[in-house]
Amino acid sequence: MKTIAIAIAAALIASAAYAQETPKPAEPETPAIATPDTKNPTAPVPGENSFTESQAKQRIEDKGYTEVTALTKGEDGIWTASAMKESKAFEVKLDYQGNITETAK
């Protein structure tokens, strides 16, 4: 009888220890749209983009770019254009969240 009680107690202790596993780290949250104070570090983010061509151009121009040309939306949903800013040429990308990234040409 004493052996059975010890076995049951050991099983309960083992199961309690197993139930206390370390919680998984939370998945980073990616907002549906970018806010002025934040920028997604993985931008440009592929995804279904609902910006029209004129909206995409306007957003890019609102960030200080001029001479926005060759604006096209890729199969990944990212708008890409050539643009100027402070007399420098850039390739500019706009994703569905509103993130704008640039690469010097």
N, C-alpha and C. Protein backbone atom coordinates (compact mmCIF):
# COMPACT_ATOMS: atom_id res chain seq x y z
N MET A 1 0.82 -1.19 0.00
CA MET A 1 0.00 0.00 0.00
C MET A 1 0.87 1.26 0.00
N LYS A 2 1.91 1.21 0.82
CA LYS A 2 2.81 2.35 0.91
C LYS A 2 3.53 2.58 -0.42
N THR A 3 3.85 1.52 -1.14
CA THR A 3 4.52 1.61 -2.43
C THR A 3 3.61 2.26 -3.46
N ILE A 4 2.34 1.93 -3.42
CA ILE A 4 1.38 2.51 -4.37
C ILE A 4 1.23 4.01 -4.11
N ALA A 5 1.16 4.41 -2.85
CA ALA A 5 1.03 5.82 -2.51
C ALA A 5 2.26 6.60 -2.97
N ILE A 6 3.43 6.02 -2.80
CA ILE A 6 4.67 6.68 -3.24
C ILE A 6 4.69 6.79 -4.76
N ALA A 7 4.25 5.77 -5.47
CA ALA A 7 4.22 5.79 -6.93
C ALA A 7 3.25 6.86 -7.45
N ILE A 8 2.09 6.95 -6.80
CA ILE A 8 1.09 7.96 -7.20
C ILE A 8 1.63 9.36 -6.95
N ALA A 9 2.27 9.57 -5.81
CA ALA A 9 2.84 10.88 -5.48
C ALA A 9 3.92 11.26 -6.49
N ALA A 10 4.76 10.30 -6.85
CA ALA A 10 5.82 10.57 -7.83
C ALA A 10 5.22 10.93 -9.19
N ALA A 11 4.16 10.24 -9.57
CA ALA A 11 3.49 10.52 -10.85
C ALA A 11 2.87 11.92 -10.84
N LEU A 12 2.26 12.32 -9.74
CA LEU A 12 1.66 13.65 -9.63
C LEU A 12 2.72 14.75 -9.71
N ILE A 13 3.84 14.54 -9.04
CA ILE A 13 4.92 15.53 -9.08
C ILE A 13 5.48 15.65 -10.49
N ALA A 14 5.67 14.53 -11.16
CA ALA A 14 6.21 14.54 -12.52
C ALA A 14 5.24 15.24 -13.48
N SER A 15 3.94 14.99 -13.33
CA SER A 15 2.97 15.62 -14.23
C SER A 15 2.87 17.12 -13.96
N ALA A 16 3.00 17.54 -12.71
CA ALA A 16 2.96 18.97 -12.39
C ALA A 16 4.17 19.68 -12.98
N ALA A 17 5.32 19.06 -12.92
CA ALA A 17 6.53 19.65 -13.49
C ALA A 17 6.42 19.74 -15.01
N TYR A 18 5.83 18.74 -15.64
CA TYR A 18 5.65 18.74 -17.09
C TYR A 18 4.70 19.86 -17.53
N ALA A 19 3.67 20.12 -16.75
CA ALA A 19 2.68 21.14 -17.10
C ALA A 19 3.25 22.55 -17.01
N GLN A 20 4.37 22.72 -16.34
CA GLN A 20 4.94 24.06 -16.17
C GLN A 20 6.02 24.34 -17.20
N GLU A 21 5.74 24.06 -18.44
CA GLU A 21 6.73 24.33 -19.49
C GLU A 21 6.83 25.83 -19.74
N THR A 22 7.96 26.25 -20.26
CA THR A 22 8.22 27.66 -20.54
C THR A 22 7.30 28.15 -21.65
N PRO A 23 6.64 29.30 -21.45
CA PRO A 23 5.77 29.81 -22.50
C PRO A 23 6.58 30.23 -23.73
N LYS A 24 5.97 30.06 -24.88
CA LYS A 24 6.62 30.43 -26.14
C LYS A 24 6.65 31.95 -26.26
N PRO A 25 7.71 32.49 -26.86
CA PRO A 25 7.74 33.95 -27.06
C PRO A 25 6.63 34.37 -28.01
N ALA A 26 6.08 35.53 -27.76
CA ALA A 26 4.99 36.03 -28.59
C ALA A 26 5.49 36.35 -29.99
N GLU A 27 4.63 36.10 -30.97
CA GLU A 27 4.94 36.44 -32.36
C GLU A 27 4.96 37.97 -32.46
N PRO A 28 5.91 38.53 -33.19
CA PRO A 28 5.90 39.99 -33.35
C PRO A 28 4.65 40.41 -34.11
N GLU A 29 4.03 41.46 -33.64
CA GLU A 29 2.82 41.92 -34.29
C GLU A 29 3.17 42.89 -35.41
N THR A 30 2.57 42.68 -36.54
CA THR A 30 2.75 43.56 -37.67
C THR A 30 1.44 44.28 -37.89
N PRO A 31 1.43 45.60 -37.76
CA PRO A 31 0.17 46.32 -37.93
C PRO A 31 -0.32 46.25 -39.37
N ALA A 32 -1.62 46.39 -39.53
CA ALA A 32 -2.20 46.37 -40.87
C ALA A 32 -1.73 47.56 -41.70
N ILE A 33 -1.53 48.69 -41.03
CA ILE A 33 -1.00 49.86 -41.72
C ILE A 33 0.07 50.50 -40.85
N ALA A 34 0.99 51.18 -41.48
CA ALA A 34 2.06 51.85 -40.73
C ALA A 34 1.50 53.12 -40.10
N THR A 35 2.00 53.44 -38.94
CA THR A 35 1.63 54.69 -38.29
C THR A 35 2.82 55.63 -38.41
N PRO A 36 2.61 56.92 -38.28
CA PRO A 36 3.72 57.86 -38.47
C PRO A 36 4.89 57.63 -37.52
N ASP A 37 4.63 57.11 -36.33
CA ASP A 37 5.69 56.93 -35.34
C ASP A 37 6.41 55.60 -35.44
N THR A 38 5.91 54.69 -36.24
CA THR A 38 6.53 53.37 -36.31
C THR A 38 6.82 53.00 -37.76
N LYS A 39 7.78 52.09 -37.92
CA LYS A 39 8.08 51.58 -39.24
C LYS A 39 8.41 50.10 -39.08
N ASN A 40 7.86 49.30 -39.91
CA ASN A 40 8.12 47.88 -39.86
C ASN A 40 9.55 47.63 -40.32
N PRO A 41 10.38 47.01 -39.47
CA PRO A 41 11.78 46.80 -39.85
C PRO A 41 11.95 45.81 -41.00
N THR A 42 10.91 45.05 -41.32
CA THR A 42 11.00 44.09 -42.41
C THR A 42 10.42 44.65 -43.71
N ALA A 43 10.13 45.94 -43.73
CA ALA A 43 9.53 46.57 -44.91
C ALA A 43 10.52 46.56 -46.08
N PRO A 44 10.04 46.47 -47.30
CA PRO A 44 8.64 46.40 -47.68
C PRO A 44 8.08 44.99 -47.49
N VAL A 45 6.85 44.95 -47.01
CA VAL A 45 6.20 43.69 -46.70
C VAL A 45 5.30 43.27 -47.85
N PRO A 46 5.52 42.07 -48.42
CA PRO A 46 4.63 41.62 -49.49
C PRO A 46 3.23 41.35 -48.95
N GLY A 47 2.25 41.61 -49.77
CA GLY A 47 0.87 41.34 -49.39
C GLY A 47 -0.08 42.04 -50.33
N GLU A 48 -1.33 41.69 -50.24
CA GLU A 48 -2.32 42.27 -51.13
C GLU A 48 -2.45 43.77 -50.87
N ASN A 49 -2.15 44.55 -51.86
CA ASN A 49 -2.09 46.00 -51.73
C ASN A 49 -3.33 46.63 -52.34
N SER A 50 -4.02 47.46 -51.55
CA SER A 50 -5.25 48.07 -52.06
C SER A 50 -5.05 49.50 -52.53
N PHE A 51 -3.80 50.02 -52.45
CA PHE A 51 -3.55 51.38 -52.94
C PHE A 51 -3.68 51.41 -54.46
N THR A 52 -4.37 52.43 -54.95
CA THR A 52 -4.42 52.64 -56.39
C THR A 52 -3.10 53.30 -56.82
N GLU A 53 -2.87 53.37 -58.10
CA GLU A 53 -1.64 53.99 -58.59
C GLU A 53 -1.54 55.45 -58.13
N SER A 54 -2.63 56.18 -58.22
CA SER A 54 -2.59 57.59 -57.81
C SER A 54 -2.38 57.73 -56.30
N GLN A 55 -2.97 56.84 -55.50
CA GLN A 55 -2.76 56.87 -54.05
C GLN A 55 -1.31 56.55 -53.70
N ALA A 56 -0.75 55.57 -54.39
CA ALA A 56 0.65 55.19 -54.14
C ALA A 56 1.57 56.36 -54.48
N LYS A 57 1.34 57.00 -55.61
CA LYS A 57 2.16 58.14 -56.01
C LYS A 57 2.03 59.27 -55.00
N GLN A 58 0.82 59.53 -54.55
CA GLN A 58 0.59 60.61 -53.58
C GLN A 58 1.31 60.33 -52.25
N ARG A 59 1.25 59.09 -51.78
CA ARG A 59 1.94 58.73 -50.52
C ARG A 59 3.44 58.93 -50.65
N ILE A 60 3.99 58.54 -51.79
CA ILE A 60 5.43 58.69 -52.02
C ILE A 60 5.79 60.17 -52.05
N GLU A 61 5.00 60.96 -52.76
CA GLU A 61 5.25 62.41 -52.83
C GLU A 61 5.09 63.07 -51.46
N ASP A 62 4.16 62.59 -50.66
CA ASP A 62 3.96 63.14 -49.32
C ASP A 62 5.18 62.93 -48.42
N LYS A 63 6.01 61.97 -48.75
CA LYS A 63 7.24 61.71 -47.99
C LYS A 63 8.43 62.52 -48.51
N GLY A 64 8.16 63.44 -49.44
CA GLY A 64 9.20 64.35 -49.89
C GLY A 64 9.87 63.96 -51.19
N TYR A 65 9.39 62.95 -51.86
CA TYR A 65 9.98 62.53 -53.14
C TYR A 65 9.34 63.32 -54.27
N THR A 66 10.12 63.60 -55.30
CA THR A 66 9.63 64.30 -56.48
C THR A 66 9.95 63.46 -57.71
N GLU A 67 9.44 63.88 -58.84
CA GLU A 67 9.70 63.19 -60.11
C GLU A 67 9.46 61.68 -60.00
N VAL A 68 8.33 61.31 -59.41
CA VAL A 68 7.98 59.90 -59.25
C VAL A 68 7.57 59.35 -60.62
N THR A 69 8.36 58.41 -61.15
CA THR A 69 8.10 57.85 -62.47
C THR A 69 8.20 56.33 -62.42
N ALA A 70 7.76 55.70 -63.50
CA ALA A 70 7.83 54.24 -63.65
C ALA A 70 7.21 53.51 -62.47
N LEU A 71 6.07 53.99 -62.00
CA LEU A 71 5.39 53.40 -60.86
C LEU A 71 4.66 52.13 -61.30
N THR A 72 5.05 51.00 -60.73
CA THR A 72 4.42 49.72 -61.08
C THR A 72 4.19 48.91 -59.81
N LYS A 73 3.13 48.10 -59.84
CA LYS A 73 2.83 47.21 -58.71
C LYS A 73 3.25 45.80 -59.11
N GLY A 74 4.13 45.20 -58.32
CA GLY A 74 4.60 43.85 -58.60
C GLY A 74 3.62 42.79 -58.16
N GLU A 75 3.90 41.56 -58.52
CA GLU A 75 3.04 40.44 -58.13
C GLU A 75 3.00 40.25 -56.62
N ASP A 76 4.02 40.77 -55.93
CA ASP A 76 4.07 40.67 -54.47
C ASP A 76 3.25 41.77 -53.79
N GLY A 77 2.63 42.65 -54.58
CA GLY A 77 1.78 43.72 -54.05
C GLY A 77 2.54 44.98 -53.68
N ILE A 78 3.84 45.03 -53.95
CA ILE A 78 4.66 46.18 -53.60
C ILE A 78 4.77 47.13 -54.79
N TRP A 79 4.43 48.41 -54.55
CA TRP A 79 4.59 49.43 -55.57
C TRP A 79 6.06 49.85 -55.62
N THR A 80 6.63 49.96 -56.82
CA THR A 80 8.01 50.36 -57.02
C THR A 80 8.05 51.52 -58.00
N ALA A 81 8.89 52.52 -57.70
CA ALA A 81 9.01 53.68 -58.57
C ALA A 81 10.42 54.24 -58.52
N SER A 82 10.73 55.05 -59.51
CA SER A 82 11.95 55.85 -59.49
C SER A 82 11.53 57.23 -59.00
N ALA A 83 12.36 57.83 -58.17
CA ALA A 83 12.02 59.15 -57.64
C ALA A 83 13.27 59.90 -57.23
N MET A 84 13.10 61.19 -57.02
CA MET A 84 14.20 62.06 -56.59
C MET A 84 13.87 62.62 -55.21
N LYS A 85 14.93 62.80 -54.41
CA LYS A 85 14.79 63.46 -53.11
C LYS A 85 16.12 64.13 -52.81
N GLU A 86 16.06 65.43 -52.56
CA GLU A 86 17.27 66.21 -52.28
C GLU A 86 18.33 66.02 -53.37
N SER A 87 17.89 66.08 -54.62
CA SER A 87 18.76 65.96 -55.82
C SER A 87 19.44 64.61 -55.94
N LYS A 88 18.90 63.58 -55.30
CA LYS A 88 19.45 62.22 -55.41
C LYS A 88 18.38 61.30 -55.96
N ALA A 89 18.81 60.34 -56.78
CA ALA A 89 17.89 59.37 -57.38
C ALA A 89 17.73 58.16 -56.47
N PHE A 90 16.49 57.69 -56.34
CA PHE A 90 16.18 56.53 -55.51
C PHE A 90 15.22 55.59 -56.22
N GLU A 91 15.30 54.32 -55.84
CA GLU A 91 14.23 53.39 -56.14
C GLU A 91 13.41 53.35 -54.86
N VAL A 92 12.12 53.65 -54.97
CA VAL A 92 11.24 53.75 -53.81
C VAL A 92 10.23 52.63 -53.87
N LYS A 93 9.95 52.03 -52.70
CA LYS A 93 8.95 50.96 -52.63
C LYS A 93 7.91 51.31 -51.57
N LEU A 94 6.67 51.00 -51.88
CA LEU A 94 5.54 51.21 -50.98
C LEU A 94 4.81 49.89 -50.81
N ASP A 95 4.68 49.42 -49.57
CA ASP A 95 3.98 48.16 -49.34
C ASP A 95 2.54 48.41 -48.90
N TYR A 96 1.80 47.33 -48.69
CA TYR A 96 0.39 47.45 -48.36
C TYR A 96 0.14 48.10 -47.00
N GLN A 97 1.15 48.13 -46.13
CA GLN A 97 1.01 48.76 -44.82
C GLN A 97 1.28 50.25 -44.87
N GLY A 98 1.77 50.74 -46.00
CA GLY A 98 2.09 52.16 -46.13
C GLY A 98 3.55 52.45 -45.87
N ASN A 99 4.35 51.42 -45.60
CA ASN A 99 5.78 51.61 -45.39
C ASN A 99 6.44 52.02 -46.70
N ILE A 100 7.29 53.02 -46.65
CA ILE A 100 8.04 53.46 -47.82
C ILE A 100 9.51 53.24 -47.54
N THR A 101 10.16 52.52 -48.45
CA THR A 101 11.59 52.29 -48.33
C THR A 101 12.28 52.84 -49.56
N GLU A 102 13.56 53.13 -49.42
CA GLU A 102 14.30 53.69 -50.55
C GLU A 102 15.64 52.98 -50.68
N THR A 103 16.11 52.92 -51.92
CA THR A 103 17.43 52.42 -52.24
C THR A 103 18.05 53.42 -53.20
N ALA A 104 19.25 53.88 -52.87
CA ALA A 104 19.92 54.84 -53.74
C ALA A 104 20.24 54.19 -55.07
N LYS A 105 20.11 54.97 -56.13
CA LYS A 105 20.45 54.45 -57.47
C LYS A 105 21.86 54.81 -57.82
